[in-house]
Every structure is written in C-alpha cells, then in structure tokens.
Amino acid sequence: MTVLDLATLKAATTWRIPGGSPDMGGLSADGRQLWLSGRYHDEVYVLSTQDGKLLARIPVGRGPHGLAIWPQPGRYSLGHTGNIR
C-alpha cells in the first residue's frame, strides 16, 4: 500500500502485507488502526497508522470485500457506497 503525503500528493512510504491482498477498509474511531479486508486470502488485516506495522491477521470467511468501521473519525464517514454524515 502506498501512503500519500496529503500536502504534496506524493508517495511518502509503502506499507507491505507479506502474502496479503489488501482491499477495502476503514479507520478506527481514534485513527490509530487501519482495518482492511483481504479479499483473495480470506482474512482481515489490522495495521498501525503510525508506522504501518501489521498488528493482526484475522482469518474470516471466504472473499471478504470491504469493511464497515463505525464511527469513523471526523465529521464525514467515507465508505464503499459514499459519504455519510
């Protein structure tokens, strides 16, 4: 995954999930964790937003596609199907 510097919109770093297949996800309410579905590996990944460290790999059912994490930080929640207030 490429992490962008929002001020410059340039790549700041790359976070890797060895053998993983990150798909869609969301941030925890405190913004400290990024949860991603592993659509092609039947698992969910939890990464630290501080340094990209893989905190957990959670086996789940077949083909997870997206995650709903509520509430999301900020005024708006950005999700798979749009913005929600």
PDB file of N, CA and C in Angstrom:
ATOM      1  N   MET A   1       0.845  -1.158   0.000  1.00  0.00           N
ATOM      2  CA  MET A   1       0.000   0.000   0.000  1.00  0.00           C
ATOM      3  C   MET A   1       0.893   1.224   0.000  1.00  0.00           C
ATOM      4  N   THR A   2       0.533   2.210  -0.782  1.00  0.00           N
ATOM      5  CA  THR A   2       1.292   3.449  -0.832  1.00  0.00           C
ATOM      6  C   THR A   2       0.616   4.478   0.054  1.00  0.00           C
ATOM      7  N   VAL A   3       1.389   5.098   0.926  1.00  0.00           N
ATOM      8  CA  VAL A   3       0.900   6.148   1.809  1.00  0.00           C
ATOM      9  C   VAL A   3       1.253   7.479   1.167  1.00  0.00           C
ATOM     10  N   LEU A   4       0.252   8.339   0.991  1.00  0.00           N
ATOM     11  CA  LEU A   4       0.479   9.628   0.355  1.00  0.00           C
ATOM     12  C   LEU A   4       0.674  10.729   1.378  1.00  0.00           C
ATOM     13  N   ASP A   5       1.538  11.680   1.048  1.00  0.00           N
ATOM     14  CA  ASP A   5       1.670  12.926   1.794  1.00  0.00           C
ATOM     15  C   ASP A   5       0.553  13.822   1.252  1.00  0.00           C
ATOM     16  N   LEU A   6      -0.430  14.161   2.072  1.00  0.00           N
ATOM     17  CA  LEU A   6      -1.581  14.907   1.585  1.00  0.00           C
ATOM     18  C   LEU A   6      -1.241  16.335   1.170  1.00  0.00           C
ATOM     19  N   ALA A   7      -0.156  16.884   1.682  1.00  0.00           N
ATOM     20  CA  ALA A   7       0.240  18.236   1.290  1.00  0.00           C
ATOM     21  C   ALA A   7       0.786  18.271  -0.142  1.00  0.00           C
ATOM     22  N   THR A   8       1.489  17.213  -0.526  1.00  0.00           N
ATOM     23  CA  THR A   8       2.127  17.189  -1.843  1.00  0.00           C
ATOM     24  C   THR A   8       1.493  16.185  -2.802  1.00  0.00           C
ATOM     25  N   LEU A   9       0.670  15.294  -2.255  1.00  0.00           N
ATOM     26  CA  LEU A   9       0.070  14.188  -3.020  1.00  0.00           C
ATOM     27  C   LEU A   9       1.122  13.286  -3.651  1.00  0.00           C
ATOM     28  N   LYS A  10       2.270  13.205  -3.001  1.00  0.00           N
ATOM     29  CA  LYS A  10       3.337  12.312  -3.446  1.00  0.00           C
ATOM     30  C   LYS A  10       3.481  11.154  -2.466  1.00  0.00           C
ATOM     31  N   ALA A  11       4.019  10.052  -2.977  1.00  0.00           N
ATOM     32  CA  ALA A  11       4.220   8.875  -2.132  1.00  0.00           C
ATOM     33  C   ALA A  11       5.194   9.181  -1.001  1.00  0.00           C
ATOM     34  N   ALA A  12       4.769   8.889   0.233  1.00  0.00           N
ATOM     35  CA  ALA A  12       5.621   9.107   1.395  1.00  0.00           C
ATOM     36  C   ALA A  12       6.339   7.820   1.788  1.00  0.00           C
ATOM     37  N   THR A  13       5.626   6.706   1.710  1.00  0.00           N
ATOM     38  CA  THR A  13       6.196   5.404   2.062  1.00  0.00           C
ATOM     39  C   THR A  13       5.296   4.303   1.518  1.00  0.00           C
ATOM     40  N   THR A  14       5.762   3.080   1.660  1.00  0.00           N
ATOM     41  CA  THR A  14       4.968   1.926   1.256  1.00  0.00           C
ATOM     42  C   THR A  14       4.871   0.962   2.421  1.00  0.00           C
ATOM     43  N   TRP A  15       3.649   0.509   2.702  1.00  0.00           N
ATOM     44  CA  TRP A  15       3.413  -0.491   3.731  1.00  0.00           C
ATOM     45  C   TRP A  15       3.111  -1.795   3.034  1.00  0.00           C
ATOM     46  N   ARG A  16       3.759  -2.864   3.451  1.00  0.00           N
ATOM     47  CA  ARG A  16       3.574  -4.168   2.815  1.00  0.00           C
ATOM     48  C   ARG A  16       2.911  -5.159   3.772  1.00  0.00           C
ATOM     49  N   ILE A  17       2.074  -5.997   3.211  1.00  0.00           N
ATOM     50  CA  ILE A  17       1.471  -7.100   3.946  1.00  0.00           C
ATOM     51  C   ILE A  17       1.958  -8.363   3.242  1.00  0.00           C
ATOM     52  N   PRO A  18       2.991  -9.011   3.776  1.00  0.00           N
ATOM     53  CA  PRO A  18       3.557 -10.188   3.111  1.00  0.00           C
ATOM     54  C   PRO A  18       2.494 -11.252   2.842  1.00  0.00           C
ATOM     55  N   GLY A  19       2.359 -11.641   1.581  1.00  0.00           N
ATOM     56  CA  GLY A  19       1.404 -12.667   1.213  1.00  0.00           C
ATOM     57  C   GLY A  19      -0.038 -12.237   1.324  1.00  0.00           C
ATOM     58  N   GLY A  20      -0.268 -10.958   1.527  1.00  0.00           N
ATOM     59  CA  GLY A  20      -1.629 -10.470   1.726  1.00  0.00           C
ATOM     60  C   GLY A  20      -2.227  -9.863   0.478  1.00  0.00           C
ATOM     61  N   SER A  21      -3.512  -9.576   0.555  1.00  0.00           N
ATOM     62  CA  SER A  21      -4.238  -8.985  -0.563  1.00  0.00           C
ATOM     63  C   SER A  21      -5.172  -7.888  -0.045  1.00  0.00           C
ATOM     64  N   PRO A  22      -4.621  -6.734   0.378  1.00  0.00           N
ATOM     65  CA  PRO A  22      -5.474  -5.702   0.955  1.00  0.00           C
ATOM     66  C   PRO A  22      -6.486  -5.172  -0.051  1.00  0.00           C
ATOM     67  N   ASP A  23      -7.692  -4.975   0.425  1.00  0.00           N
ATOM     68  CA  ASP A  23      -8.780  -4.498  -0.412  1.00  0.00           C
ATOM     69  C   ASP A  23      -9.353  -3.241   0.237  1.00  0.00           C
ATOM     70  N   MET A  24     -10.603  -3.259   0.602  1.00  0.00           N
ATOM     71  CA  MET A  24     -11.267  -2.089   1.167  1.00  0.00           C
ATOM     72  C   MET A  24     -11.267  -2.153   2.685  1.00  0.00           C
ATOM     73  N   GLY A  25     -11.436  -1.002   3.313  1.00  0.00           N
ATOM     74  CA  GLY A  25     -11.456  -0.992   4.760  1.00  0.00           C
ATOM     75  C   GLY A  25     -11.810   0.355   5.323  1.00  0.00           C
ATOM     76  N   GLY A  26     -11.342   0.604   6.526  1.00  0.00           N
ATOM     77  CA  GLY A  26     -11.622   1.865   7.191  1.00  0.00           C
ATOM     78  C   GLY A  26     -10.738   2.055   8.399  1.00  0.00           C
ATOM     79  N   LEU A  27     -10.813   3.283   8.942  1.00  0.00           N
ATOM     80  CA  LEU A  27     -10.038   3.645  10.125  1.00  0.00           C
ATOM     81  C   LEU A  27     -10.836   3.412  11.393  1.00  0.00           C
ATOM     82  N   SER A  28     -10.123   3.094  12.458  1.00  0.00           N
ATOM     83  CA  SER A  28     -10.768   3.020  13.764  1.00  0.00           C
ATOM     84  C   SER A  28     -11.168   4.439  14.175  1.00  0.00           C
ATOM     85  N   ALA A  29     -12.080   4.561  15.139  1.00  0.00           N
ATOM     86  CA  ALA A  29     -12.585   5.865  15.568  1.00  0.00           C
ATOM     87  C   ALA A  29     -11.476   6.798  16.046  1.00  0.00           C
ATOM     88  N   ASP A  30     -10.426   6.237  16.653  1.00  0.00           N
ATOM     89  CA  ASP A  30      -9.326   7.078  17.130  1.00  0.00           C
ATOM     90  C   ASP A  30      -8.262   7.314  16.061  1.00  0.00           C
ATOM     91  N   GLY A  31      -8.430   6.712  14.887  1.00  0.00           N
ATOM     92  CA  GLY A  31      -7.492   6.923  13.785  1.00  0.00           C
ATOM     93  C   GLY A  31      -6.177   6.182  13.912  1.00  0.00           C
ATOM     94  N   ARG A  32      -6.053   5.312  14.906  1.00  0.00           N
ATOM     95  CA  ARG A  32      -4.783   4.617  15.147  1.00  0.00           C
ATOM     96  C   ARG A  32      -4.625   3.306  14.392  1.00  0.00           C
ATOM     97  N   GLN A  33      -5.740   2.771  13.896  1.00  0.00           N
ATOM     98  CA  GLN A  33      -5.677   1.487  13.197  1.00  0.00           C
ATOM     99  C   GLN A  33      -6.396   1.582  11.851  1.00  0.00           C
ATOM    100  N   LEU A  34      -5.817   0.922  10.872  1.00  0.00           N
ATOM    101  CA  LEU A  34      -6.437   0.781   9.568  1.00  0.00           C
ATOM    102  C   LEU A  34      -6.821  -0.685   9.416  1.00  0.00           C
ATOM    103  N   TRP A  35      -8.100  -0.950   9.233  1.00  0.00           N
ATOM    104  CA  TRP A  35      -8.612  -2.303   9.061  1.00  0.00           C
ATOM    105  C   TRP A  35      -8.906  -2.512   7.583  1.00  0.00           C
ATOM    106  N   LEU A  36      -8.378  -3.582   6.998  1.00  0.00           N
ATOM    107  CA  LEU A  36      -8.562  -3.863   5.580  1.00  0.00           C
ATOM    108  C   LEU A  36      -9.012  -5.302   5.374  1.00  0.00           C
ATOM    109  N   SER A  37      -9.909  -5.493   4.431  1.00  0.00           N
ATOM    110  CA  SER A  37     -10.282  -6.864   4.087  1.00  0.00           C
ATOM    111  C   SER A  37      -9.221  -7.438   3.165  1.00  0.00           C
ATOM    112  N   GLY A  38      -8.976  -8.725   3.298  1.00  0.00           N
ATOM    113  CA  GLY A  38      -8.053  -9.448   2.429  1.00  0.00           C
ATOM    114  C   GLY A  38      -8.869 -10.327   1.503  1.00  0.00           C
ATOM    115  N   ARG A  39      -9.453  -9.706   0.518  1.00  0.00           N
ATOM    116  CA  ARG A  39     -10.454 -10.332  -0.354  1.00  0.00           C
ATOM    117  C   ARG A  39     -10.028 -11.678  -0.939  1.00  0.00           C
ATOM    118  N   TYR A  40      -8.791 -11.788  -1.354  1.00  0.00           N
ATOM    119  CA  TYR A  40      -8.349 -13.007  -2.028  1.00  0.00           C
ATOM    120  C   TYR A  40      -7.594 -13.975  -1.121  1.00  0.00           C
ATOM    121  N   HIS A  41      -7.500 -13.641   0.166  1.00  0.00           N
ATOM    122  CA  HIS A  41      -6.831 -14.526   1.116  1.00  0.00           C
ATOM    123  C   HIS A  41      -7.687 -14.831   2.340  1.00  0.00           C
ATOM    124  N   ASP A  42      -8.973 -14.477   2.286  1.00  0.00           N
ATOM    125  CA  ASP A  42      -9.940 -14.841   3.334  1.00  0.00           C
ATOM    126  C   ASP A  42      -9.510 -14.413   4.728  1.00  0.00           C
ATOM    127  N   GLU A  43      -9.047 -13.163   4.825  1.00  0.00           N
ATOM    128  CA  GLU A  43      -8.631 -12.654   6.133  1.00  0.00           C
ATOM    129  C   GLU A  43      -8.823 -11.146   6.204  1.00  0.00           C
ATOM    130  N   VAL A  44      -8.690 -10.616   7.410  1.00  0.00           N
ATOM    131  CA  VAL A  44      -8.749  -9.180   7.665  1.00  0.00           C
ATOM    132  C   VAL A  44      -7.417  -8.773   8.264  1.00  0.00           C
ATOM    133  N   TYR A  45      -6.908  -7.618   7.845  1.00  0.00           N
ATOM    134  CA  TYR A  45      -5.631  -7.111   8.334  1.00  0.00           C
ATOM    135  C   TYR A  45      -5.876  -5.867   9.180  1.00  0.00           C
ATOM    136  N   VAL A  46      -5.104  -5.729  10.248  1.00  0.00           N
ATOM    137  CA  VAL A  46      -5.150  -4.531  11.077  1.00  0.00           C
ATOM    138  C   VAL A  46      -3.736  -3.956  11.097  1.00  0.00           C
ATOM    139  N   LEU A  47      -3.609  -2.696  10.654  1.00  0.00           N
ATOM    140  CA  LEU A  47      -2.300  -2.045  10.605  1.00  0.00           C
ATOM    141  C   LEU A  47      -2.283  -0.812  11.497  1.00  0.00           C
ATOM    142  N   SER A  48      -1.124  -0.513  12.050  1.00  0.00           N
ATOM    143  CA  SER A  48      -0.926   0.715  12.803  1.00  0.00           C
ATOM    144  C   SER A  48      -0.804   1.866  11.803  1.00  0.00           C
ATOM    145  N   THR A  49      -1.538   2.947  12.039  1.00  0.00           N
ATOM    146  CA  THR A  49      -1.417   4.105  11.149  1.00  0.00           C
ATOM    147  C   THR A  49      -0.181   4.940  11.489  1.00  0.00           C
ATOM    148  N   GLN A  50       0.473   4.629  12.592  1.00  0.00           N
ATOM    149  CA  GLN A  50       1.698   5.330  12.966  1.00  0.00           C
ATOM    150  C   GLN A  50       2.871   4.925  12.087  1.00  0.00           C
ATOM    151  N   ASP A  51       2.988   3.590  11.864  1.00  0.00           N
ATOM    152  CA  ASP A  51       4.178   3.103  11.158  1.00  0.00           C
ATOM    153  C   ASP A  51       3.891   1.991  10.141  1.00  0.00           C
ATOM    154  N   GLY A  52       2.622   1.629   9.971  1.00  0.00           N
ATOM    155  CA  GLY A  52       2.272   0.599   9.005  1.00  0.00           C
ATOM    156  C   GLY A  52       2.504  -0.820   9.475  1.00  0.00           C
ATOM    157  N   LYS A  53       2.881  -0.984  10.747  1.00  0.00           N
ATOM    158  CA  LYS A  53       3.136  -2.318  11.289  1.00  0.00           C
ATOM    159  C   LYS A  53       1.855  -3.144  11.277  1.00  0.00           C
ATOM    160  N   LEU A  54       1.959  -4.397  10.822  1.00  0.00           N
ATOM    161  CA  LEU A  54       0.828  -5.316  10.814  1.00  0.00           C
ATOM    162  C   LEU A  54       0.563  -5.766  12.248  1.00  0.00           C
ATOM    163  N   LEU A  55      -0.577  -5.375  12.803  1.00  0.00           N
ATOM    164  CA  LEU A  55      -0.915  -5.692  14.185  1.00  0.00           C
ATOM    165  C   LEU A  55      -1.652  -7.025  14.303  1.00  0.00           C
ATOM    166  N   ALA A  56      -2.441  -7.358  13.288  1.00  0.00           N
ATOM    167  CA  ALA A  56      -3.214  -8.599  13.342  1.00  0.00           C
ATOM    168  C   ALA A  56      -3.579  -9.055  11.941  1.00  0.00           C
ATOM    169  N   ARG A  57      -3.705 -10.359  11.815  1.00  0.00           N
ATOM    170  CA  ARG A  57      -4.199 -11.032  10.618  1.00  0.00           C
ATOM    171  C   ARG A  57      -5.294 -11.955  11.096  1.00  0.00           C
ATOM    172  N   ILE A  58      -6.534 -11.660  10.762  1.00  0.00           N
ATOM    173  CA  ILE A  58      -7.673 -12.368  11.323  1.00  0.00           C
ATOM    174  C   ILE A  58      -8.326 -13.235  10.239  1.00  0.00           C
ATOM    175  N   PRO A  59      -8.299 -14.555  10.398  1.00  0.00           N
ATOM    176  CA  PRO A  59      -8.965 -15.422   9.419  1.00  0.00           C
ATOM    177  C   PRO A  59     -10.484 -15.203   9.468  1.00  0.00           C
ATOM    178  N   VAL A  60     -11.088 -15.071   8.305  1.00  0.00           N
ATOM    179  CA  VAL A  60     -12.542 -14.878   8.217  1.00  0.00           C
ATOM    180  C   VAL A  60     -13.085 -15.784   7.115  1.00  0.00           C
ATOM    181  N   GLY A  61     -14.350 -15.656   6.822  1.00  0.00           N
ATOM    182  CA  GLY A  61     -14.967 -16.445   5.763  1.00  0.00           C
ATOM    183  C   GLY A  61     -14.442 -16.080   4.384  1.00  0.00           C
ATOM    184  N   ARG A  62     -14.952 -16.760   3.421  1.00  0.00           N
ATOM    185  CA  ARG A  62     -14.488 -16.653   2.044  1.00  0.00           C
ATOM    186  C   ARG A  62     -14.783 -15.285   1.415  1.00  0.00           C
ATOM    187  N   GLY A  63     -13.749 -14.692   0.818  1.00  0.00           N
ATOM    188  CA  GLY A  63     -13.876 -13.497  -0.007  1.00  0.00           C
ATOM    189  C   GLY A  63     -14.384 -12.239   0.657  1.00  0.00           C
ATOM    190  N   PRO A  64     -13.860 -11.833   1.816  1.00  0.00           N
ATOM    191  CA  PRO A  64     -14.343 -10.581   2.418  1.00  0.00           C
ATOM    192  C   PRO A  64     -14.094  -9.410   1.471  1.00  0.00           C
ATOM    193  N   HIS A  65     -15.082  -8.553   1.330  1.00  0.00           N
ATOM    194  CA  HIS A  65     -14.976  -7.436   0.393  1.00  0.00           C
ATOM    195  C   HIS A  65     -15.455  -6.174   1.088  1.00  0.00           C
ATOM    196  N   GLY A  66     -14.516  -5.432   1.638  1.00  0.00           N
ATOM    197  CA  GLY A  66     -14.847  -4.198   2.336  1.00  0.00           C
ATOM    198  C   GLY A  66     -15.176  -4.432   3.792  1.00  0.00           C
ATOM    199  N   LEU A  67     -15.017  -3.380   4.573  1.00  0.00           N
ATOM    200  CA  LEU A  67     -15.327  -3.429   5.998  1.00  0.00           C
ATOM    201  C   LEU A  67     -16.079  -2.163   6.371  1.00  0.00           C
ATOM    202  N   ALA A  68     -16.962  -2.266   7.329  1.00  0.00           N
ATOM    203  CA  ALA A  68     -17.640  -1.094   7.870  1.00  0.00           C
ATOM    204  C   ALA A  68     -17.110  -0.874   9.274  1.00  0.00           C
ATOM    205  N   ILE A  69     -16.443   0.227   9.481  1.00  0.00           N
ATOM    206  CA  ILE A  69     -15.894   0.580  10.795  1.00  0.00           C
ATOM    207  C   ILE A  69     -16.630   1.836  11.244  1.00  0.00           C
ATOM    208  N   TRP A  70     -17.385   1.751  12.342  1.00  0.00           N
ATOM    209  CA  TRP A  70     -18.164   2.891  12.802  1.00  0.00           C
ATOM    210  C   TRP A  70     -17.887   3.169  14.259  1.00  0.00           C
ATOM    211  N   PRO A  71     -17.891   4.403  14.718  1.00  0.00           N
ATOM    212  CA  PRO A  71     -17.899   5.590  13.861  1.00  0.00           C
ATOM    213  C   PRO A  71     -16.516   5.824  13.280  1.00  0.00           C
ATOM    214  N   GLN A  72     -16.438   6.559  12.204  1.00  0.00           N
ATOM    215  CA  GLN A  72     -15.148   6.934  11.637  1.00  0.00           C
ATOM    216  C   GLN A  72     -14.778   8.312  12.157  1.00  0.00           C
ATOM    217  N   PRO A  73     -13.484   8.633  12.170  1.00  0.00           N
ATOM    218  CA  PRO A  73     -13.071   9.942  12.665  1.00  0.00           C
ATOM    219  C   PRO A  73     -13.554  11.062  11.748  1.00  0.00           C
ATOM    220  N   GLY A  74     -13.769  12.226  12.324  1.00  0.00           N
ATOM    221  CA  GLY A  74     -14.158  13.387  11.533  1.00  0.00           C
ATOM    222  C   GLY A  74     -15.663  13.528  11.397  1.00  0.00           C
ATOM    223  N   ARG A  75     -16.051  14.534  10.668  1.00  0.00           N
ATOM    224  CA  ARG A  75     -17.466  14.852  10.502  1.00  0.00           C
ATOM    225  C   ARG A  75     -18.164  13.916   9.521  1.00  0.00           C
ATOM    226  N   TYR A  76     -17.424  13.453   8.514  1.00  0.00           N
ATOM    227  CA  TYR A  76     -17.991  12.590   7.492  1.00  0.00           C
ATOM    228  C   TYR A  76     -17.339  11.221   7.525  1.00  0.00           C
ATOM    229  N   SER A  77     -18.085  10.194   7.213  1.00  0.00           N
ATOM    230  CA  SER A  77     -17.562   8.857   7.102  1.00  0.00           C
ATOM    231  C   SER A  77     -17.486   8.484   5.625  1.00  0.00           C
ATOM    232  N   LEU A  78     -16.303   8.156   5.154  1.00  0.00           N
ATOM    233  CA  LEU A  78     -16.124   7.778   3.767  1.00  0.00           C
ATOM    234  C   LEU A  78     -16.222   6.269   3.678  1.00  0.00           C
ATOM    235  N   GLY A  79     -17.154   5.788   2.911  1.00  0.00           N
ATOM    236  CA  GLY A  79     -17.356   4.358   2.829  1.00  0.00           C
ATOM    237  C   GLY A  79     -17.458   3.863   1.404  1.00  0.00           C
ATOM    238  N   HIS A  80     -17.655   2.585   1.274  1.00  0.00           N
ATOM    239  CA  HIS A  80     -17.735   1.920  -0.024  1.00  0.00           C
ATOM    240  C   HIS A  80     -18.845   2.513  -0.887  1.00  0.00           C
ATOM    241  N   THR A  81     -19.954   2.891  -0.283  1.00  0.00           N
ATOM    242  CA  THR A  81     -21.089   3.365  -1.060  1.00  0.00           C
ATOM    243  C   THR A  81     -21.284   4.865  -1.004  1.00  0.00           C
ATOM    244  N   GLY A  82     -20.353   5.604  -0.421  1.00  0.00           N
ATOM    245  CA  GLY A  82     -20.478   7.058  -0.428  1.00  0.00           C
ATOM    246  C   GLY A  82     -20.172   7.687   0.899  1.00  0.00           C
ATOM    247  N   ASN A  83     -20.519   8.955   1.008  1.00  0.00           N
ATOM    248  CA  ASN A  83     -20.276   9.730   2.224  1.00  0.00           C
ATOM    249  C   ASN A  83     -21.511   9.717   3.104  1.00  0.00           C
ATOM    250  N   ILE A  84     -21.307   9.577   4.391  1.00  0.00           N
ATOM    251  CA  ILE A  84     -22.403   9.533   5.343  1.00  0.00           C
ATOM    252  C   ILE A  84     -22.106  10.538   6.440  1.00  0.00           C
ATOM    253  N   ARG A  85     -23.107  11.312   6.839  1.00  0.00           N
ATOM    254  CA  ARG A  85     -22.929  12.257   7.930  1.00  0.00           C
ATOM    255  C   ARG A  85     -23.485  11.710   9.201  1.00  0.00           C
TER     256      ARG A  85
END
